[in-house]
Every structure is written in C-alpha cells, then in structure tokens.
Amino acid sequence: MVDSPEYLAKRAFFDSLITLYGRNVAVEILRDTSIKVHKLHLSKSNRPDETIEEILALAQSRGVEIKYHTKDSLSRISKNSSQDQGVALDVEAQNYRNAKNIPNDFPNNFRLLALDGINNPANLGMIVRSCAASCIDGIILPKRNSTKLSPLVMKASAGTLFKIPIYYCETLSDVLPLKNASVITLSSHAHDDIYSLQIPPRAIFVLGNESEGVSREIEELSTLRVSIPMHRGVESLNVAITAGIVCFLP
C-alpha cells in the first residue's frame, strides 16, 4: 500500500514539531514572533500568576491554540513532569527535518556535523550555537541514544536552536554514508592531523559520545579519521569544544 501525499505531508508536519516545556521557556518562545507555535498546553491545576497570565496573553495575541489538560496528561506531553511547571508548547520547527531531505537540500557541496551518542543537553546546546555561528550547513542528530531537544538544550544554545537545520534520523547508520560524501570521524587515536586535512566539497564530520567517542559501527562507515593535536599531556577535549574547532575550520 502506497501512502497518499496528504498522509505524508501530515506526517512530515507532526515529525517537525518539537515539544518544549517550562514557564520561562514558554514566555521566551511566545515573545519571539519568528518562532511559529502550533499549540500551547496548560495544566488545569495551574494557579493564576503573573507568568501564566503573560503566557496566556501572548498565546492569545498570536492566535495560538490553547489546550487544557490534567496534570498527568500534561506530563505525558512534556515527558518531564518534574520540570514542566504545568506548561508545554508544540513548536513548528521548520529547521527540524528528516535526514532523508539532505540530498535534496544540498544537491551540490555541503559541510555537516553528525552527532553520535551525545547525551549531555548542555553539550548539544553549545554545539548548536557553534554550528549556527559558523559555515556549517546543518546538524545530523539521531533520535536513538542521543539527548533530546529540550529547554536545557535551548538554554545552552543561547537562542540559536531554531537558526540552523537539524536533521533527525533513528541512527546515523541509517543515513551514512551519503552519496559522494566523505565521512570524517574525530578520534584522539587518529594519525592524521585535522589542520592538514584537505576538506572535501561534501563533508560530514562525526563527533562521538562524551566518554566513549565515535561508535565502532560509525567508524567503520567513515572515510577519514582525524585528530586534534594535543599538548602538555592532555588526552582529549570536551565534545562541544571539539565541535567549535571543527565548525571554524577554513
């Protein structure tokens, strides 16, 4: 059975939604008219206060649909009952796209950053910020074995979360290697120096887990392995720092 274009369009829309939570996050997002909000979710148990009133006023002024839930129902939406503060938002993140779109989005040259098992939200947020500030064209972020896009990521990104394409997939092995693209993994054990690298026109740099590095499965898919030279006996760098170095390679 072939899925209809209408079904595929609807599925693509809901896949692009990112659910964020928390009162301050809601205010920040609703104040930013460049961010499109699909729906505001509120707990019926919320006590009226200045912040809730501002959230409601902002949502109403922007014509955002408001839906009320029991506390338990809201926690199933936010997936973080201990921190959602009775508020969640579905954000229409046009930059959050299926990785299958990469060949169409970049028919010619590109420079992408792929993340393999990044588990710290602060690291992910800082990586997003570096990518958004640099010439990196997009980030590939697997859904499996990776931290999710969340208020913590948004905070660490310093407001840049929606400024760069983020491509989702189940695992990196589902999308790597892309046709005619070089997959370059960062490893402290690699013999080749990143600063002597002739960066190919179509390049995907892969950064690995904070403690384990790039997984063996992804290393086997790589075209090149490079390291960042270390001095004074230092063995490795924080993954967000590594991302910053990669992002600003000439």
C-alpha atoms as a PDB file:
ATOM      1  CA  MET A   1       0.000   0.000   0.000  1.00  0.00           C
ATOM      2  CA  VAL A   2       1.350   3.429  -1.009  1.00  0.00           C
ATOM      3  CA  ASP A   3       0.869   6.323   1.440  1.00  0.00           C
ATOM      4  CA  SER A   4      -1.070   9.253  -0.002  1.00  0.00           C
ATOM      5  CA  PRO A   5       0.625  12.661  -0.451  1.00  0.00           C
ATOM      6  CA  GLU A   6      -1.801  14.080   2.126  1.00  0.00           C
ATOM      7  CA  TYR A   7      -0.781  11.484   4.713  1.00  0.00           C
ATOM      8  CA  LEU A   8       2.932  12.028   4.026  1.00  0.00           C
ATOM      9  CA  ALA A   9       2.537  15.800   4.342  1.00  0.00           C
ATOM     10  CA  LYS A  10       0.645  15.429   7.624  1.00  0.00           C
ATOM     11  CA  ARG A  11       3.253  13.024   8.983  1.00  0.00           C
ATOM     12  CA  ALA A  12       6.088  15.349   7.959  1.00  0.00           C
ATOM     13  CA  PHE A  13       4.341  18.214   9.765  1.00  0.00           C
ATOM     14  CA  PHE A  14       3.974  16.333  13.047  1.00  0.00           C
ATOM     15  CA  ASP A  15       7.530  14.996  12.780  1.00  0.00           C
ATOM     16  CA  SER A  16       8.739  18.597  12.587  1.00  0.00           C
ATOM     17  CA  LEU A  17       7.063  19.541  15.888  1.00  0.00           C
ATOM     18  CA  ILE A  18       9.329  19.962  18.896  1.00  0.00           C
ATOM     19  CA  THR A  19       7.680  19.922  22.313  1.00  0.00           C
ATOM     20  CA  LEU A  20       9.322  22.200  24.861  1.00  0.00           C
ATOM     21  CA  TYR A  21       8.187  22.893  28.406  1.00  0.00           C
ATOM     22  CA  GLY A  22       8.523  25.256  31.333  1.00  0.00           C
ATOM     23  CA  ARG A  23       7.072  28.699  32.018  1.00  0.00           C
ATOM     24  CA  ASN A  24      10.128  30.817  31.237  1.00  0.00           C
ATOM     25  CA  VAL A  25      10.732  28.851  28.040  1.00  0.00           C
ATOM     26  CA  ALA A  26       7.104  29.418  27.016  1.00  0.00           C
ATOM     27  CA  VAL A  27       7.414  33.165  27.566  1.00  0.00           C
ATOM     28  CA  GLU A  28      10.688  33.326  25.627  1.00  0.00           C
ATOM     29  CA  ILE A  29       9.289  31.394  22.666  1.00  0.00           C
ATOM     30  CA  LEU A  30       5.953  33.199  22.552  1.00  0.00           C
ATOM     31  CA  ARG A  31       7.705  36.573  22.626  1.00  0.00           C
ATOM     32  CA  ASP A  32       9.783  35.592  19.581  1.00  0.00           C
ATOM     33  CA  THR A  33       7.418  36.004  16.656  1.00  0.00           C
ATOM     34  CA  SER A  34       9.944  34.384  14.296  1.00  0.00           C
ATOM     35  CA  ILE A  35       9.183  31.050  16.010  1.00  0.00           C
ATOM     36  CA  LYS A  36       5.875  29.504  14.970  1.00  0.00           C
ATOM     37  CA  VAL A  37       3.942  27.847  17.804  1.00  0.00           C
ATOM     38  CA  HIS A  38       1.424  25.170  16.885  1.00  0.00           C
ATOM     39  CA  LYS A  39      -0.228  24.651  20.267  1.00  0.00           C
ATOM     40  CA  LEU A  40       0.064  25.672  23.918  1.00  0.00           C
ATOM     41  CA  HIS A  41      -0.672  23.015  26.544  1.00  0.00           C
ATOM     42  CA  LEU A  42      -1.575  24.054  30.097  1.00  0.00           C
ATOM     43  CA  SER A  43      -2.359  22.070  33.200  1.00  0.00           C
ATOM     44  CA  LYS A  44      -5.780  22.710  34.721  1.00  0.00           C
ATOM     45  CA  SER A  45      -4.061  22.731  38.114  1.00  0.00           C
ATOM     46  CA  ASN A  46      -2.022  25.864  37.327  1.00  0.00           C
ATOM     47  CA  ARG A  47      -2.690  28.687  39.757  1.00  0.00           C
ATOM     48  CA  PRO A  48      -3.063  32.058  38.042  1.00  0.00           C
ATOM     49  CA  ASP A  49       0.042  34.186  38.471  1.00  0.00           C
ATOM     50  CA  GLU A  50       1.885  36.870  36.531  1.00  0.00           C
ATOM     51  CA  THR A  51       3.804  34.418  34.327  1.00  0.00           C
ATOM     52  CA  ILE A  52       0.770  32.273  33.467  1.00  0.00           C
ATOM     53  CA  GLU A  53      -1.184  35.426  32.632  1.00  0.00           C
ATOM     54  CA  GLU A  54       1.608  36.602  30.324  1.00  0.00           C
ATOM     55  CA  ILE A  55       1.764  33.193  28.624  1.00  0.00           C
ATOM     56  CA  LEU A  56      -1.988  33.281  28.009  1.00  0.00           C
ATOM     57  CA  ALA A  57      -1.911  36.864  26.748  1.00  0.00           C
ATOM     58  CA  LEU A  58       0.974  36.171  24.363  1.00  0.00           C
ATOM     59  CA  ALA A  59      -0.662  32.999  23.031  1.00  0.00           C
ATOM     60  CA  GLN A  60      -3.995  34.738  22.509  1.00  0.00           C
ATOM     61  CA  SER A  61      -2.387  37.717  20.778  1.00  0.00           C
ATOM     62  CA  ARG A  62      -0.659  35.365  18.361  1.00  0.00           C
ATOM     63  CA  GLY A  63      -3.714  33.187  17.765  1.00  0.00           C
ATOM     64  CA  VAL A  64      -2.081  30.081  19.220  1.00  0.00           C
ATOM     65  CA  GLU A  65      -4.439  27.238  20.093  1.00  0.00           C
ATOM     66  CA  ILE A  66      -4.608  26.673  23.848  1.00  0.00           C
ATOM     67  CA  LYS A  67      -5.470  23.271  25.255  1.00  0.00           C
ATOM     68  CA  TYR A  68      -6.020  22.362  28.922  1.00  0.00           C
ATOM     69  CA  HIS A  69      -5.088  19.001  30.427  1.00  0.00           C
ATOM     70  CA  THR A  70      -4.990  17.174  33.707  1.00  0.00           C
ATOM     71  CA  LYS A  71      -1.582  17.231  35.349  1.00  0.00           C
ATOM     72  CA  ASP A  72      -0.965  13.595  34.365  1.00  0.00           C
ATOM     73  CA  SER A  73      -1.979  14.215  30.758  1.00  0.00           C
ATOM     74  CA  LEU A  74       0.334  17.201  30.515  1.00  0.00           C
ATOM     75  CA  SER A  75       3.237  15.173  31.874  1.00  0.00           C
ATOM     76  CA  ARG A  76       2.726  12.660  29.078  1.00  0.00           C
ATOM     77  CA  ILE A  77       3.047  15.512  26.587  1.00  0.00           C
ATOM     78  CA  SER A  78       6.081  17.161  28.192  1.00  0.00           C
ATOM     79  CA  LYS A  79       7.671  13.830  29.195  1.00  0.00           C
ATOM     80  CA  ASN A  80       9.133  15.664  32.183  1.00  0.00           C
ATOM     81  CA  SER A  81       6.571  16.080  34.945  1.00  0.00           C
ATOM     82  CA  SER A  82       9.175  17.246  37.452  1.00  0.00           C
ATOM     83  CA  GLN A  83      10.189  20.286  35.390  1.00  0.00           C
ATOM     84  CA  ASP A  84       7.340  21.192  33.030  1.00  0.00           C
ATOM     85  CA  GLN A  85       5.723  23.605  35.574  1.00  0.00           C
ATOM     86  CA  GLY A  86       2.326  22.836  34.044  1.00  0.00           C
ATOM     87  CA  VAL A  87       3.232  24.311  30.639  1.00  0.00           C
ATOM     88  CA  ALA A  88       4.275  22.796  27.308  1.00  0.00           C
ATOM     89  CA  LEU A  89       4.428  24.079  23.734  1.00  0.00           C
ATOM     90  CA  ASP A  90       4.453  22.372  20.357  1.00  0.00           C
ATOM     91  CA  VAL A  91       6.829  24.421  18.201  1.00  0.00           C
ATOM     92  CA  GLU A  92       6.719  24.222  14.408  1.00  0.00           C
ATOM     93  CA  ALA A  93      10.449  23.891  13.847  1.00  0.00           C
ATOM     94  CA  GLN A  94      10.888  24.313  10.112  1.00  0.00           C
ATOM     95  CA  ASN A  95      14.594  23.710  10.580  1.00  0.00           C
ATOM     96  CA  TYR A  96      13.938  20.265  12.163  1.00  0.00           C
ATOM     97  CA  ARG A  97      13.827  17.969   9.165  1.00  0.00           C
ATOM     98  CA  ASN A  98      14.105  14.319   8.199  1.00  0.00           C
ATOM     99  CA  ALA A  99      17.676  13.422   7.216  1.00  0.00           C
ATOM    100  CA  LYS A 100      16.274  11.917   4.019  1.00  0.00           C
ATOM    101  CA  ASN A 101      15.907  15.520   2.817  1.00  0.00           C
ATOM    102  CA  ILE A 102      19.661  16.171   2.886  1.00  0.00           C
ATOM    103  CA  PRO A 103      20.337  15.172  -0.767  1.00  0.00           C
ATOM    104  CA  ASN A 104      17.564  17.491  -1.969  1.00  0.00           C
ATOM    105  CA  ASP A 105      18.521  20.321   0.381  1.00  0.00           C
ATOM    106  CA  PHE A 106      22.185  20.140  -0.677  1.00  0.00           C
ATOM    107  CA  PRO A 107      22.433  18.892  -4.264  1.00  0.00           C
ATOM    108  CA  ASN A 108      25.984  20.244  -4.538  1.00  0.00           C
ATOM    109  CA  ASN A 109      28.505  20.889  -1.783  1.00  0.00           C
ATOM    110  CA  PHE A 110      27.892  20.851   1.961  1.00  0.00           C
ATOM    111  CA  ARG A 111      29.605  20.657   5.323  1.00  0.00           C
ATOM    112  CA  LEU A 112      27.558  18.870   8.006  1.00  0.00           C
ATOM    113  CA  LEU A 113      28.158  17.876  11.619  1.00  0.00           C
ATOM    114  CA  ALA A 114      26.810  14.466  12.711  1.00  0.00           C
ATOM    115  CA  LEU A 115      26.465  13.582  16.396  1.00  0.00           C
ATOM    116  CA  ASP A 116      26.932  10.003  17.559  1.00  0.00           C
ATOM    117  CA  GLY A 117      25.567   9.434  21.069  1.00  0.00           C
ATOM    118  CA  ILE A 118      25.753  12.938  22.573  1.00  0.00           C
ATOM    119  CA  ASN A 119      23.991  12.572  25.936  1.00  0.00           C
ATOM    120  CA  ASN A 120      24.557  15.905  27.671  1.00  0.00           C
ATOM    121  CA  PRO A 121      21.954  18.608  26.823  1.00  0.00           C
ATOM    122  CA  ALA A 122      24.409  21.402  27.634  1.00  0.00           C
ATOM    123  CA  ASN A 123      26.932  19.961  25.187  1.00  0.00           C
ATOM    124  CA  LEU A 124      24.280  19.685  22.475  1.00  0.00           C
ATOM    125  CA  GLY A 125      23.174  23.273  23.040  1.00  0.00           C
ATOM    126  CA  MET A 126      26.729  24.594  22.801  1.00  0.00           C
ATOM    127  CA  ILE A 127      27.307  22.535  19.643  1.00  0.00           C
ATOM    128  CA  VAL A 128      24.164  24.030  18.094  1.00  0.00           C
ATOM    129  CA  ARG A 129      25.401  27.514  18.964  1.00  0.00           C
ATOM    130  CA  SER A 130      28.808  26.957  17.344  1.00  0.00           C
ATOM    131  CA  CYS A 131      27.207  25.473  14.228  1.00  0.00           C
ATOM    132  CA  ALA A 132      24.740  28.344  13.925  1.00  0.00           C
ATOM    133  CA  ALA A 133      27.572  30.872  14.155  1.00  0.00           C
ATOM    134  CA  SER A 134      29.758  29.126  11.581  1.00  0.00           C
ATOM    135  CA  CYS A 135      29.640  27.966   7.974  1.00  0.00           C
ATOM    136  CA  ILE A 136      28.357  24.506   8.949  1.00  0.00           C
ATOM    137  CA  ASP A 137      25.257  23.811   6.835  1.00  0.00           C
ATOM    138  CA  GLY A 138      23.408  21.572   9.285  1.00  0.00           C
ATOM    139  CA  ILE A 139      23.488  19.045  12.122  1.00  0.00           C
ATOM    140  CA  ILE A 140      22.500  15.372  11.917  1.00  0.00           C
ATOM    141  CA  LEU A 141      21.015  14.287  15.254  1.00  0.00           C
ATOM    142  CA  PRO A 142      19.844  10.665  15.714  1.00  0.00           C
ATOM    143  CA  LYS A 143      16.789  10.034  17.867  1.00  0.00           C
ATOM    144  CA  ARG A 144      18.209   6.826  19.314  1.00  0.00           C
ATOM    145  CA  ASN A 145      20.900   7.018  22.006  1.00  0.00           C
ATOM    146  CA  SER A 146      21.044  10.824  21.930  1.00  0.00           C
ATOM    147  CA  THR A 147      19.791  13.576  24.173  1.00  0.00           C
ATOM    148  CA  LYS A 148      16.527  15.127  23.011  1.00  0.00           C
ATOM    149  CA  LEU A 149      15.916  18.735  22.041  1.00  0.00           C
ATOM    150  CA  SER A 150      14.741  20.284  25.299  1.00  0.00           C
ATOM    151  CA  PRO A 151      14.659  23.529  27.298  1.00  0.00           C
ATOM    152  CA  LEU A 152      18.147  22.685  28.602  1.00  0.00           C
ATOM    153  CA  VAL A 153      19.421  22.434  25.031  1.00  0.00           C
ATOM    154  CA  MET A 154      17.642  25.648  24.121  1.00  0.00           C
ATOM    155  CA  LYS A 155      19.176  27.487  27.074  1.00  0.00           C
ATOM    156  CA  ALA A 156      22.695  26.250  26.296  1.00  0.00           C
ATOM    157  CA  SER A 157      22.256  27.221  22.642  1.00  0.00           C
ATOM    158  CA  ALA A 158      21.717  30.842  23.740  1.00  0.00           C
ATOM    159  CA  GLY A 159      18.696  31.291  21.494  1.00  0.00           C
ATOM    160  CA  THR A 160      20.178  29.691  18.368  1.00  0.00           C
ATOM    161  CA  LEU A 161      18.255  26.388  18.449  1.00  0.00           C
ATOM    162  CA  PHE A 162      15.976  27.396  15.582  1.00  0.00           C
ATOM    163  CA  LYS A 163      18.649  29.115  13.477  1.00  0.00           C
ATOM    164  CA  ILE A 164      20.289  26.090  11.798  1.00  0.00           C
ATOM    165  CA  PRO A 165      18.877  22.974  10.088  1.00  0.00           C
ATOM    166  CA  ILE A 166      18.815  19.933  12.379  1.00  0.00           C
ATOM    167  CA  TYR A 167      18.240  16.640  10.568  1.00  0.00           C
ATOM    168  CA  TYR A 168      16.765  13.752  12.524  1.00  0.00           C
ATOM    169  CA  CYS A 169      17.101  10.020  11.883  1.00  0.00           C
ATOM    170  CA  GLU A 170      16.791   6.896  14.007  1.00  0.00           C
ATOM    171  CA  THR A 171      20.517   6.115  13.872  1.00  0.00           C
ATOM    172  CA  LEU A 172      23.435   7.594  11.954  1.00  0.00           C
ATOM    173  CA  SER A 173      23.943   4.294  10.157  1.00  0.00           C
ATOM    174  CA  ASP A 174      20.522   4.860   8.559  1.00  0.00           C
ATOM    175  CA  VAL A 175      21.828   7.872   6.628  1.00  0.00           C
ATOM    176  CA  LEU A 176      25.595   7.377   6.403  1.00  0.00           C
ATOM    177  CA  PRO A 177      27.330   7.377   4.097  1.00  0.00           C
ATOM    178  CA  LEU A 178      25.563   9.823   1.807  1.00  0.00           C
ATOM    179  CA  LYS A 179      26.284   9.586  -1.894  1.00  0.00           C
ATOM    180  CA  ASN A 180      29.641  11.135  -2.837  1.00  0.00           C
ATOM    181  CA  ALA A 181      30.136  12.426   0.717  1.00  0.00           C
ATOM    182  CA  SER A 182      33.219  11.953   2.868  1.00  0.00           C
ATOM    183  CA  VAL A 183      32.519  10.845   6.443  1.00  0.00           C
ATOM    184  CA  ILE A 184      35.229  12.238   8.732  1.00  0.00           C
ATOM    185  CA  THR A 185      35.365  10.962  12.304  1.00  0.00           C
ATOM    186  CA  LEU A 186      37.200  12.742  15.110  1.00  0.00           C
ATOM    187  CA  SER A 187      39.392  10.473  17.214  1.00  0.00           C
ATOM    188  CA  SER A 188      42.279  11.170  19.579  1.00  0.00           C
ATOM    189  CA  HIS A 189      43.914   7.980  18.246  1.00  0.00           C
ATOM    190  CA  ALA A 190      43.887   9.030  14.588  1.00  0.00           C
ATOM    191  CA  HIS A 191      47.272   9.683  12.988  1.00  0.00           C
ATOM    192  CA  ASP A 192      46.120  12.369  10.544  1.00  0.00           C
ATOM    193  CA  ASP A 193      46.050  15.971  11.786  1.00  0.00           C
ATOM    194  CA  ILE A 194      42.781  17.882  11.340  1.00  0.00           C
ATOM    195  CA  TYR A 195      44.699  21.031  10.405  1.00  0.00           C
ATOM    196  CA  SER A 196      46.411  19.318   7.480  1.00  0.00           C
ATOM    197  CA  LEU A 197      43.103  17.954   6.195  1.00  0.00           C
ATOM    198  CA  GLN A 198      42.002  18.956   2.719  1.00  0.00           C
ATOM    199  CA  ILE A 199      38.279  19.187   3.432  1.00  0.00           C
ATOM    200  CA  PRO A 200      36.275  17.520   0.649  1.00  0.00           C
ATOM    201  CA  PRO A 201      33.466  19.509  -1.037  1.00  0.00           C
ATOM    202  CA  ARG A 202      30.837  17.208   0.517  1.00  0.00           C
ATOM    203  CA  ALA A 203      31.942  16.513   4.086  1.00  0.00           C
ATOM    204  CA  ILE A 204      30.260  15.098   7.177  1.00  0.00           C
ATOM    205  CA  PHE A 205      32.226  15.453  10.411  1.00  0.00           C
ATOM    206  CA  VAL A 206      31.205  12.949  13.107  1.00  0.00           C
ATOM    207  CA  LEU A 207      31.618  13.681  16.816  1.00  0.00           C
ATOM    208  CA  GLY A 208      31.146  10.873  19.317  1.00  0.00           C
ATOM    209  CA  ASN A 209      29.851  10.269  22.809  1.00  0.00           C
ATOM    210  CA  GLU A 210      31.313  12.309  25.679  1.00  0.00           C
ATOM    211  CA  SER A 211      33.136   9.332  27.216  1.00  0.00           C
ATOM    212  CA  GLU A 212      33.187   6.580  24.562  1.00  0.00           C
ATOM    213  CA  GLY A 213      33.795   8.617  21.417  1.00  0.00           C
ATOM    214  CA  VAL A 214      32.536   7.565  17.999  1.00  0.00           C
ATOM    215  CA  SER A 215      30.962   4.099  17.991  1.00  0.00           C
ATOM    216  CA  ARG A 216      32.689   1.272  16.147  1.00  0.00           C
ATOM    217  CA  GLU A 217      29.740   0.914  13.778  1.00  0.00           C
ATOM    218  CA  ILE A 218      30.062   4.526  12.616  1.00  0.00           C
ATOM    219  CA  GLU A 219      33.862   4.370  12.489  1.00  0.00           C
ATOM    220  CA  GLU A 220      33.540   1.508  10.014  1.00  0.00           C
ATOM    221  CA  LEU A 221      31.447   3.790   7.795  1.00  0.00           C
ATOM    222  CA  SER A 222      33.991   6.596   7.922  1.00  0.00           C
ATOM    223  CA  THR A 223      36.156   7.689   5.026  1.00  0.00           C
ATOM    224  CA  LEU A 224      38.756   9.534   7.087  1.00  0.00           C
ATOM    225  CA  ARG A 225      39.810   9.684  10.735  1.00  0.00           C
ATOM    226  CA  VAL A 226      41.475  12.797  12.086  1.00  0.00           C
ATOM    227  CA  SER A 227      42.679  14.050  15.443  1.00  0.00           C
ATOM    228  CA  ILE A 228      43.199  17.441  17.059  1.00  0.00           C
ATOM    229  CA  PRO A 229      46.843  17.803  18.174  1.00  0.00           C
ATOM    230  CA  MET A 230      47.182  17.824  21.956  1.00  0.00           C
ATOM    231  CA  HIS A 231      49.972  19.255  24.122  1.00  0.00           C
ATOM    232  CA  ARG A 232      51.147  19.019  27.752  1.00  0.00           C
ATOM    233  CA  GLY A 233      49.793  15.513  28.187  1.00  0.00           C
ATOM    234  CA  VAL A 234      46.140  16.471  27.624  1.00  0.00           C
ATOM    235  CA  GLU A 235      44.392  13.464  26.053  1.00  0.00           C
ATOM    236  CA  SER A 236      41.036  14.854  24.923  1.00  0.00           C
ATOM    237  CA  LEU A 237      38.715  17.848  24.713  1.00  0.00           C
ATOM    238  CA  ASN A 238      35.085  18.349  25.656  1.00  0.00           C
ATOM    239  CA  VAL A 239      32.925  17.419  22.656  1.00  0.00           C
ATOM    240  CA  ALA A 240      31.425  20.920  22.471  1.00  0.00           C
ATOM    241  CA  ILE A 241      34.919  22.438  22.303  1.00  0.00           C
ATOM    242  CA  THR A 242      35.820  19.945  19.575  1.00  0.00           C
ATOM    243  CA  ALA A 243      32.716  20.966  17.656  1.00  0.00           C
ATOM    244  CA  GLY A 244      33.775  24.603  17.882  1.00  0.00           C
ATOM    245  CA  ILE A 245      37.142  23.787  16.343  1.00  0.00           C
ATOM    246  CA  VAL A 246      35.532  21.787  13.520  1.00  0.00           C
ATOM    247  CA  CYS A 247      32.932  24.466  12.831  1.00  0.00           C
ATOM    248  CA  PHE A 248      35.503  27.148  12.188  1.00  0.00           C
ATOM    249  CA  LEU A 249      37.926  25.202  10.042  1.00  0.00           C
ATOM    250  CA  PRO A 250      38.752  27.285   6.945  1.00  0.00           C
END
